[in-house]
Amino acid sequence: MLQISSSSKIYFAKTYIDFRCGIESLMGYCSNILSKDPMSGAYFVFKNKSGKQLKILHYDGVGFYLCLRRFSKGKISWWPESREECTMEARELSLLLFGGNPKTALLPSHWKKPD
């Protein structure tokens, strides 16, 4: 089970990927396109072309997790534009996984941002 904490680093691909990709291909995407180390312990979020599925790649120090989220109804309600930063917070990822839109949600501001 994935434990995404408020201090977790979360990155996402701004463009869709082919969901036939496995762990090795996604690791290459993280390294070459996002310029991030896939073994850093961060979470990497990807979406497919139709916008009905998400994949999350995560390394925990022992091995990789590759999680798939398929929406049974509807599509992903939000995805970043190419000019936006490719990071998000854990609470925004939780909203996204439940079909919400993190940019329009009324979330309280941080009293102190976690390190």
C-alpha atoms as a PDB file:
ATOM      1  CA  MET A   1       0.000   0.000   0.000  1.00  0.00           C
ATOM      2  CA  LEU A   2       1.285   3.456  -0.869  1.00  0.00           C
ATOM      3  CA  GLN A   3       1.690   5.920   1.976  1.00  0.00           C
ATOM      4  CA  ILE A   4       1.686   9.400   0.487  1.00  0.00           C
ATOM      5  CA  SER A   5       2.553  11.932   3.169  1.00  0.00           C
ATOM      6  CA  SER A   6       2.388  15.709   3.060  1.00  0.00           C
ATOM      7  CA  SER A   7       6.165  15.848   2.659  1.00  0.00           C
ATOM      8  CA  SER A   8       6.229  13.463  -0.327  1.00  0.00           C
ATOM      9  CA  LYS A   9       7.597  14.818  -3.596  1.00  0.00           C
ATOM     10  CA  ILE A  10       5.093  14.323  -6.407  1.00  0.00           C
ATOM     11  CA  TYR A  11       5.860  14.973 -10.067  1.00  0.00           C
ATOM     12  CA  PHE A  12       3.637  14.476 -13.079  1.00  0.00           C
ATOM     13  CA  ALA A  13       4.098  14.212 -16.804  1.00  0.00           C
ATOM     14  CA  LYS A  14       2.552  17.131 -18.647  1.00  0.00           C
ATOM     15  CA  THR A  15       1.769  15.036 -21.723  1.00  0.00           C
ATOM     16  CA  TYR A  16      -0.001  11.707 -21.930  1.00  0.00           C
ATOM     17  CA  ILE A  17       1.909   8.439 -22.196  1.00  0.00           C
ATOM     18  CA  ASP A  18       1.221   5.088 -23.801  1.00  0.00           C
ATOM     19  CA  PHE A  19      -0.123   2.883 -21.005  1.00  0.00           C
ATOM     20  CA  ARG A  20       1.502  -0.202 -22.503  1.00  0.00           C
ATOM     21  CA  CYS A  21       4.692   1.202 -20.938  1.00  0.00           C
ATOM     22  CA  GLY A  22       6.090  -0.703 -18.007  1.00  0.00           C
ATOM     23  CA  ILE A  23       8.355   0.285 -15.154  1.00  0.00           C
ATOM     24  CA  GLU A  24      11.529   0.535 -17.259  1.00  0.00           C
ATOM     25  CA  SER A  25       9.923   2.830 -19.851  1.00  0.00           C
ATOM     26  CA  LEU A  26       8.463   5.058 -17.145  1.00  0.00           C
ATOM     27  CA  MET A  27      11.849   5.214 -15.407  1.00  0.00           C
ATOM     28  CA  GLY A  28      13.326   6.421 -18.692  1.00  0.00           C
ATOM     29  CA  TYR A  29      10.607   9.058 -18.994  1.00  0.00           C
ATOM     30  CA  CYS A  30      11.366  10.279 -15.463  1.00  0.00           C
ATOM     31  CA  SER A  31      15.092  10.521 -16.188  1.00  0.00           C
ATOM     32  CA  ASN A  32      15.033  11.888 -19.731  1.00  0.00           C
ATOM     33  CA  ILE A  33      11.910  14.061 -19.919  1.00  0.00           C
ATOM     34  CA  LEU A  34      11.306  15.165 -16.318  1.00  0.00           C
ATOM     35  CA  SER A  35      15.043  15.194 -15.427  1.00  0.00           C
ATOM     36  CA  LYS A  36      14.266  13.492 -12.102  1.00  0.00           C
ATOM     37  CA  ASP A  37      15.760  10.385 -10.526  1.00  0.00           C
ATOM     38  CA  PRO A  38      13.084   7.636 -10.543  1.00  0.00           C
ATOM     39  CA  MET A  39      14.796   6.025  -7.531  1.00  0.00           C
ATOM     40  CA  SER A  40      14.577   9.197  -5.417  1.00  0.00           C
ATOM     41  CA  GLY A  41      11.494   8.049  -3.508  1.00  0.00           C
ATOM     42  CA  ALA A  42       9.260  10.576  -5.256  1.00  0.00           C
ATOM     43  CA  TYR A  43       5.911   9.726  -6.805  1.00  0.00           C
ATOM     44  CA  PHE A  44       5.564  10.104 -10.567  1.00  0.00           C
ATOM     45  CA  VAL A  45       2.052  10.474 -11.999  1.00  0.00           C
ATOM     46  CA  PHE A  46       1.125   9.788 -15.631  1.00  0.00           C
ATOM     47  CA  LYS A  47      -2.142   9.849 -17.581  1.00  0.00           C
ATOM     48  CA  ASN A  48      -3.244   8.094 -20.743  1.00  0.00           C
ATOM     49  CA  LYS A  49      -4.468   9.738 -23.944  1.00  0.00           C
ATOM     50  CA  SER A  50      -8.180   9.261 -23.234  1.00  0.00           C
ATOM     51  CA  GLY A  51      -7.829  10.792 -19.747  1.00  0.00           C
ATOM     52  CA  LYS A  52      -9.551   7.854 -18.055  1.00  0.00           C
ATOM     53  CA  GLN A  53      -6.515   6.336 -16.351  1.00  0.00           C
ATOM     54  CA  LEU A  54      -3.602   7.362 -14.150  1.00  0.00           C
ATOM     55  CA  LYS A  55      -0.398   5.493 -13.380  1.00  0.00           C
ATOM     56  CA  ILE A  56       1.809   6.190 -10.373  1.00  0.00           C
ATOM     57  CA  LEU A  57       5.433   5.043 -10.231  1.00  0.00           C
ATOM     58  CA  HIS A  58       7.171   4.982  -6.850  1.00  0.00           C
ATOM     59  CA  TYR A  59      10.432   3.525  -5.533  1.00  0.00           C
ATOM     60  CA  ASP A  60      10.518   2.674  -1.813  1.00  0.00           C
ATOM     61  CA  GLY A  61      14.178   1.682  -1.414  1.00  0.00           C
ATOM     62  CA  VAL A  62      13.558  -2.007  -2.117  1.00  0.00           C
ATOM     63  CA  GLY A  63      11.588  -2.007  -5.343  1.00  0.00           C
ATOM     64  CA  PHE A  64       9.118  -0.164  -7.518  1.00  0.00           C
ATOM     65  CA  TYR A  65       5.374   0.202  -7.175  1.00  0.00           C
ATOM     66  CA  LEU A  66       3.392   0.747 -10.358  1.00  0.00           C
ATOM     67  CA  CYS A  67      -0.209   1.615  -9.546  1.00  0.00           C
ATOM     68  CA  LEU A  68      -3.042   2.063 -12.005  1.00  0.00           C
ATOM     69  CA  ARG A  69      -6.207   4.079 -11.353  1.00  0.00           C
ATOM     70  CA  ARG A  70      -8.973   3.661 -13.937  1.00  0.00           C
ATOM     71  CA  PHE A  71     -12.061   5.822 -13.617  1.00  0.00           C
ATOM     72  CA  SER A  72     -15.199   3.776 -14.184  1.00  0.00           C
ATOM     73  CA  LYS A  73     -17.132   6.881 -15.168  1.00  0.00           C
ATOM     74  CA  GLY A  74     -15.902  10.168 -16.600  1.00  0.00           C
ATOM     75  CA  LYS A  75     -12.389  11.463 -17.153  1.00  0.00           C
ATOM     76  CA  ILE A  76      -9.648  13.179 -15.216  1.00  0.00           C
ATOM     77  CA  SER A  77     -11.075  16.600 -14.450  1.00  0.00           C
ATOM     78  CA  TRP A  78      -7.773  18.517 -14.437  1.00  0.00           C
ATOM     79  CA  TRP A  79      -4.292  18.204 -15.878  1.00  0.00           C
ATOM     80  CA  PRO A  80      -1.551  20.823 -15.938  1.00  0.00           C
ATOM     81  CA  GLU A  81      -0.846  22.986 -18.931  1.00  0.00           C
ATOM     82  CA  SER A  82       2.612  22.860 -20.461  1.00  0.00           C
ATOM     83  CA  ARG A  83       3.682  26.112 -18.792  1.00  0.00           C
ATOM     84  CA  GLU A  84       2.811  24.960 -15.260  1.00  0.00           C
ATOM     85  CA  GLU A  85       5.213  23.415 -12.778  1.00  0.00           C
ATOM     86  CA  CYS A  86       5.298  19.613 -12.871  1.00  0.00           C
ATOM     87  CA  THR A  87       4.831  19.150  -9.105  1.00  0.00           C
ATOM     88  CA  MET A  88       1.827  18.836  -6.843  1.00  0.00           C
ATOM     89  CA  GLU A  89       1.054  18.341  -3.171  1.00  0.00           C
ATOM     90  CA  ALA A  90      -0.226  15.131  -1.599  1.00  0.00           C
ATOM     91  CA  ARG A  91      -3.642  16.648  -0.934  1.00  0.00           C
ATOM     92  CA  GLU A  92      -3.935  17.681  -4.595  1.00  0.00           C
ATOM     93  CA  LEU A  93      -3.039  14.153  -5.720  1.00  0.00           C
ATOM     94  CA  SER A  94      -5.696  12.732  -3.385  1.00  0.00           C
ATOM     95  CA  LEU A  95      -8.302  14.999  -4.961  1.00  0.00           C
ATOM     96  CA  LEU A  96      -7.177  14.009  -8.443  1.00  0.00           C
ATOM     97  CA  LEU A  97      -7.376  10.291  -7.598  1.00  0.00           C
ATOM     98  CA  PHE A  98     -10.981  10.737  -6.497  1.00  0.00           C
ATOM     99  CA  GLY A  99     -11.930  12.564  -9.687  1.00  0.00           C
ATOM    100  CA  GLY A 100     -11.714  16.086  -8.290  1.00  0.00           C
ATOM    101  CA  ASN A 101     -10.057  19.199  -9.613  1.00  0.00           C
ATOM    102  CA  PRO A 102      -7.206  20.343  -7.334  1.00  0.00           C
ATOM    103  CA  LYS A 103      -7.102  23.810  -8.882  1.00  0.00           C
ATOM    104  CA  THR A 104     -10.743  24.652  -8.133  1.00  0.00           C
ATOM    105  CA  ALA A 105     -11.042  22.905  -4.751  1.00  0.00           C
ATOM    106  CA  LEU A 106     -11.373  25.122  -1.701  1.00  0.00           C
ATOM    107  CA  LEU A 107      -8.393  23.955   0.306  1.00  0.00           C
ATOM    108  CA  PRO A 108      -7.159  25.880   3.332  1.00  0.00           C
ATOM    109  CA  SER A 109      -3.775  27.533   2.954  1.00  0.00           C
ATOM    110  CA  HIS A 110      -0.799  26.024   4.741  1.00  0.00           C
ATOM    111  CA  TRP A 111       0.039  27.450   8.119  1.00  0.00           C
ATOM    112  CA  LYS A 112       3.576  26.154   7.621  1.00  0.00           C
ATOM    113  CA  LYS A 113       4.541  24.317   4.461  1.00  0.00           C
ATOM    114  CA  PRO A 114       6.088  20.869   5.161  1.00  0.00           C
ATOM    115  CA  ASP A 115       9.778  20.470   4.234  1.00  0.00           C
END
